[in-house]
Amino acid sequence: MTVELIEEDMRQALFGAAQAPPPQVTIHDPMAHIPDVVIVPQAVRARKKKPSKAFTPRMRVTLQVGNEFEGVTQTYVHEADTISRLLAEQEAVKVARKKYRYVEVVSVKAIG
């Protein structure tokens, strides 16, 4: 039983009845209806928000400083913006060494 099928019969068997060709779609130019000059209203300036004061951890370093060896000393207090005691101490000693020759750390405390 050999039945010769033509190409059109095979297409009909696979895809169903012949359909009308899809309608042609025209694409409109979106720039056609836009005028050459566009008036944009002036934007309302937004107020600049002030940055909120975030909590910054601080350390208070108390030093005994002086320019004479075993001589008269003064108390020097330095506040550092860090949570590390070591960094706060190093920063305070570095600042104090610019003015004083002998520096001794007395205490390092966290400020609430």
C-alpha atoms as a PDB file:
ATOM      1  CA  MET A   1       0.000   0.000   0.000  1.00  0.00           C
ATOM      2  CA  THR A   2       2.045   2.849  -1.167  1.00  0.00           C
ATOM      3  CA  VAL A   3       0.365   6.119  -1.409  1.00  0.00           C
ATOM      4  CA  GLU A   4       2.222   8.899  -3.032  1.00  0.00           C
ATOM      5  CA  LEU A   5       1.770  12.090  -1.129  1.00  0.00           C
ATOM      6  CA  ILE A   6       2.602  15.364  -2.593  1.00  0.00           C
ATOM      7  CA  GLU A   7       4.343  18.075  -0.624  1.00  0.00           C
ATOM      8  CA  GLU A   8       1.137  19.940  -0.032  1.00  0.00           C
ATOM      9  CA  ASP A   9      -0.530  16.838   1.474  1.00  0.00           C
ATOM     10  CA  MET A  10       2.415  16.320   3.828  1.00  0.00           C
ATOM     11  CA  ARG A  11       2.251  19.934   5.002  1.00  0.00           C
ATOM     12  CA  GLN A  12      -1.457  19.594   5.600  1.00  0.00           C
ATOM     13  CA  ALA A  13      -0.921  16.397   7.604  1.00  0.00           C
ATOM     14  CA  LEU A  14       1.816  17.954   9.729  1.00  0.00           C
ATOM     15  CA  PHE A  15       0.568  21.481  10.229  1.00  0.00           C
ATOM     16  CA  GLY A  16      -3.160  21.253   9.610  1.00  0.00           C
ATOM     17  CA  ALA A  17      -5.150  23.144   7.037  1.00  0.00           C
ATOM     18  CA  ALA A  18      -3.408  25.855   5.125  1.00  0.00           C
ATOM     19  CA  GLN A  19      -3.596  29.138   6.936  1.00  0.00           C
ATOM     20  CA  ALA A  20      -3.788  32.561   5.459  1.00  0.00           C
ATOM     21  CA  PRO A  21      -0.490  34.399   5.524  1.00  0.00           C
ATOM     22  CA  PRO A  22      -0.095  36.513   8.675  1.00  0.00           C
ATOM     23  CA  PRO A  23      -1.064  40.132   8.240  1.00  0.00           C
ATOM     24  CA  GLN A  24       1.776  42.535   7.716  1.00  0.00           C
ATOM     25  CA  VAL A  25       2.582  44.653  10.735  1.00  0.00           C
ATOM     26  CA  THR A  26       3.641  48.216  10.169  1.00  0.00           C
ATOM     27  CA  ILE A  27       5.925  49.834  12.671  1.00  0.00           C
ATOM     28  CA  HIS A  28       5.308  53.484  13.238  1.00  0.00           C
ATOM     29  CA  ASP A  29       8.226  55.816  13.822  1.00  0.00           C
ATOM     30  CA  PRO A  30       8.012  56.826  17.515  1.00  0.00           C
ATOM     31  CA  MET A  31       9.921  60.035  16.826  1.00  0.00           C
ATOM     32  CA  ALA A  32       7.403  61.220  14.225  1.00  0.00           C
ATOM     33  CA  HIS A  33       4.911  62.728  16.688  1.00  0.00           C
ATOM     34  CA  ILE A  34       7.493  64.351  18.992  1.00  0.00           C
ATOM     35  CA  PRO A  35       7.921  68.068  18.331  1.00  0.00           C
ATOM     36  CA  ASP A  36      11.353  69.550  17.685  1.00  0.00           C
ATOM     37  CA  VAL A  37      11.251  71.733  20.803  1.00  0.00           C
ATOM     38  CA  VAL A  38      10.155  70.305  24.124  1.00  0.00           C
ATOM     39  CA  ILE A  39       9.496  72.577  27.076  1.00  0.00           C
ATOM     40  CA  VAL A  40      10.443  70.903  30.329  1.00  0.00           C
ATOM     41  CA  PRO A  41       9.147  72.456  33.545  1.00  0.00           C
ATOM     42  CA  GLN A  42      11.826  73.491  36.000  1.00  0.00           C
ATOM     43  CA  ALA A  43      12.387  70.776  38.527  1.00  0.00           C
ATOM     44  CA  VAL A  44      11.770  71.597  42.141  1.00  0.00           C
ATOM     45  CA  ARG A  45      15.057  71.508  43.981  1.00  0.00           C
ATOM     46  CA  ALA A  46      15.059  68.936  46.677  1.00  0.00           C
ATOM     47  CA  ARG A  47      16.373  70.065  50.003  1.00  0.00           C
ATOM     48  CA  LYS A  48      19.708  68.625  50.843  1.00  0.00           C
ATOM     49  CA  LYS A  49      19.376  66.219  53.670  1.00  0.00           C
ATOM     50  CA  LYS A  50      21.721  66.811  56.508  1.00  0.00           C
ATOM     51  CA  PRO A  51      23.598  63.651  57.298  1.00  0.00           C
ATOM     52  CA  SER A  52      22.477  62.254  60.591  1.00  0.00           C
ATOM     53  CA  LYS A  53      25.115  62.230  63.238  1.00  0.00           C
ATOM     54  CA  ALA A  54      25.903  58.592  63.532  1.00  0.00           C
ATOM     55  CA  PHE A  55      27.365  57.247  66.719  1.00  0.00           C
ATOM     56  CA  THR A  56      31.131  57.299  66.469  1.00  0.00           C
ATOM     57  CA  PRO A  57      33.015  55.329  69.067  1.00  0.00           C
ATOM     58  CA  ARG A  58      35.593  57.421  70.869  1.00  0.00           C
ATOM     59  CA  MET A  59      38.470  56.692  73.206  1.00  0.00           C
ATOM     60  CA  ARG A  60      39.938  59.125  75.716  1.00  0.00           C
ATOM     61  CA  VAL A  61      43.676  58.707  76.248  1.00  0.00           C
ATOM     62  CA  THR A  62      45.302  60.376  79.250  1.00  0.00           C
ATOM     63  CA  LEU A  63      49.042  61.011  79.037  1.00  0.00           C
ATOM     64  CA  GLN A  64      51.734  62.467  81.271  1.00  0.00           C
ATOM     65  CA  VAL A  65      53.983  64.633  79.109  1.00  0.00           C
ATOM     66  CA  GLY A  66      57.059  66.739  79.675  1.00  0.00           C
ATOM     67  CA  ASN A  67      60.259  68.014  78.100  1.00  0.00           C
ATOM     68  CA  GLU A  68      62.624  67.176  80.970  1.00  0.00           C
ATOM     69  CA  PHE A  69      63.590  63.660  82.048  1.00  0.00           C
ATOM     70  CA  GLU A  70      61.962  62.985  85.443  1.00  0.00           C
ATOM     71  CA  GLY A  71      61.065  66.653  85.585  1.00  0.00           C
ATOM     72  CA  VAL A  72      57.794  68.493  85.782  1.00  0.00           C
ATOM     73  CA  THR A  73      55.026  66.711  83.836  1.00  0.00           C
ATOM     74  CA  GLN A  74      51.643  67.835  82.597  1.00  0.00           C
ATOM     75  CA  THR A  75      48.471  65.873  82.013  1.00  0.00           C
ATOM     76  CA  TYR A  76      47.519  65.711  78.349  1.00  0.00           C
ATOM     77  CA  VAL A  77      44.127  64.316  77.222  1.00  0.00           C
ATOM     78  CA  HIS A  78      43.561  63.156  73.655  1.00  0.00           C
ATOM     79  CA  GLU A  79      40.287  61.881  72.153  1.00  0.00           C
ATOM     80  CA  ALA A  80      40.496  59.441  69.240  1.00  0.00           C
ATOM     81  CA  ASP A  81      37.664  58.345  66.924  1.00  0.00           C
ATOM     82  CA  THR A  82      38.260  54.618  67.073  1.00  0.00           C
ATOM     83  CA  ILE A  83      37.230  51.560  69.044  1.00  0.00           C
ATOM     84  CA  SER A  84      40.714  50.127  69.137  1.00  0.00           C
ATOM     85  CA  ARG A  85      42.613  50.943  72.328  1.00  0.00           C
ATOM     86  CA  LEU A  86      45.922  50.288  70.623  1.00  0.00           C
ATOM     87  CA  LEU A  87      45.197  52.649  67.720  1.00  0.00           C
ATOM     88  CA  ALA A  88      43.932  55.334  70.098  1.00  0.00           C
ATOM     89  CA  GLU A  89      47.078  55.060  72.209  1.00  0.00           C
ATOM     90  CA  GLN A  90      49.375  55.185  69.171  1.00  0.00           C
ATOM     91  CA  GLU A  91      47.551  58.194  67.758  1.00  0.00           C
ATOM     92  CA  ALA A  92      47.727  60.084  71.069  1.00  0.00           C
ATOM     93  CA  VAL A  93      51.435  59.366  71.520  1.00  0.00           C
ATOM     94  CA  LYS A  94      52.143  60.456  67.946  1.00  0.00           C
ATOM     95  CA  VAL A  95      50.339  63.770  68.455  1.00  0.00           C
ATOM     96  CA  ALA A  96      51.988  64.392  71.849  1.00  0.00           C
ATOM     97  CA  ARG A  97      55.501  63.645  70.520  1.00  0.00           C
ATOM     98  CA  LYS A  98      55.238  66.619  68.170  1.00  0.00           C
ATOM     99  CA  LYS A  99      55.300  68.985  71.146  1.00  0.00           C
ATOM    100  CA  TYR A 100      56.758  67.009  74.049  1.00  0.00           C
ATOM    101  CA  ARG A 101      59.882  64.889  74.364  1.00  0.00           C
ATOM    102  CA  TYR A 102      58.786  62.445  77.079  1.00  0.00           C
ATOM    103  CA  VAL A 103      55.355  60.795  76.881  1.00  0.00           C
ATOM    104  CA  GLU A 104      53.864  58.237  79.288  1.00  0.00           C
ATOM    105  CA  VAL A 105      50.413  56.681  78.817  1.00  0.00           C
ATOM    106  CA  VAL A 106      48.319  56.808  81.999  1.00  0.00           C
ATOM    107  CA  SER A 107      44.963  55.432  80.843  1.00  0.00           C
ATOM    108  CA  VAL A 108      42.814  54.607  77.833  1.00  0.00           C
ATOM    109  CA  LYS A 109      39.054  54.707  78.387  1.00  0.00           C
ATOM    110  CA  ALA A 110      36.038  54.347  76.102  1.00  0.00           C
ATOM    111  CA  ILE A 111      33.677  57.318  75.990  1.00  0.00           C
ATOM    112  CA  GLY A 112      30.000  56.262  75.893  1.00  0.00           C
END
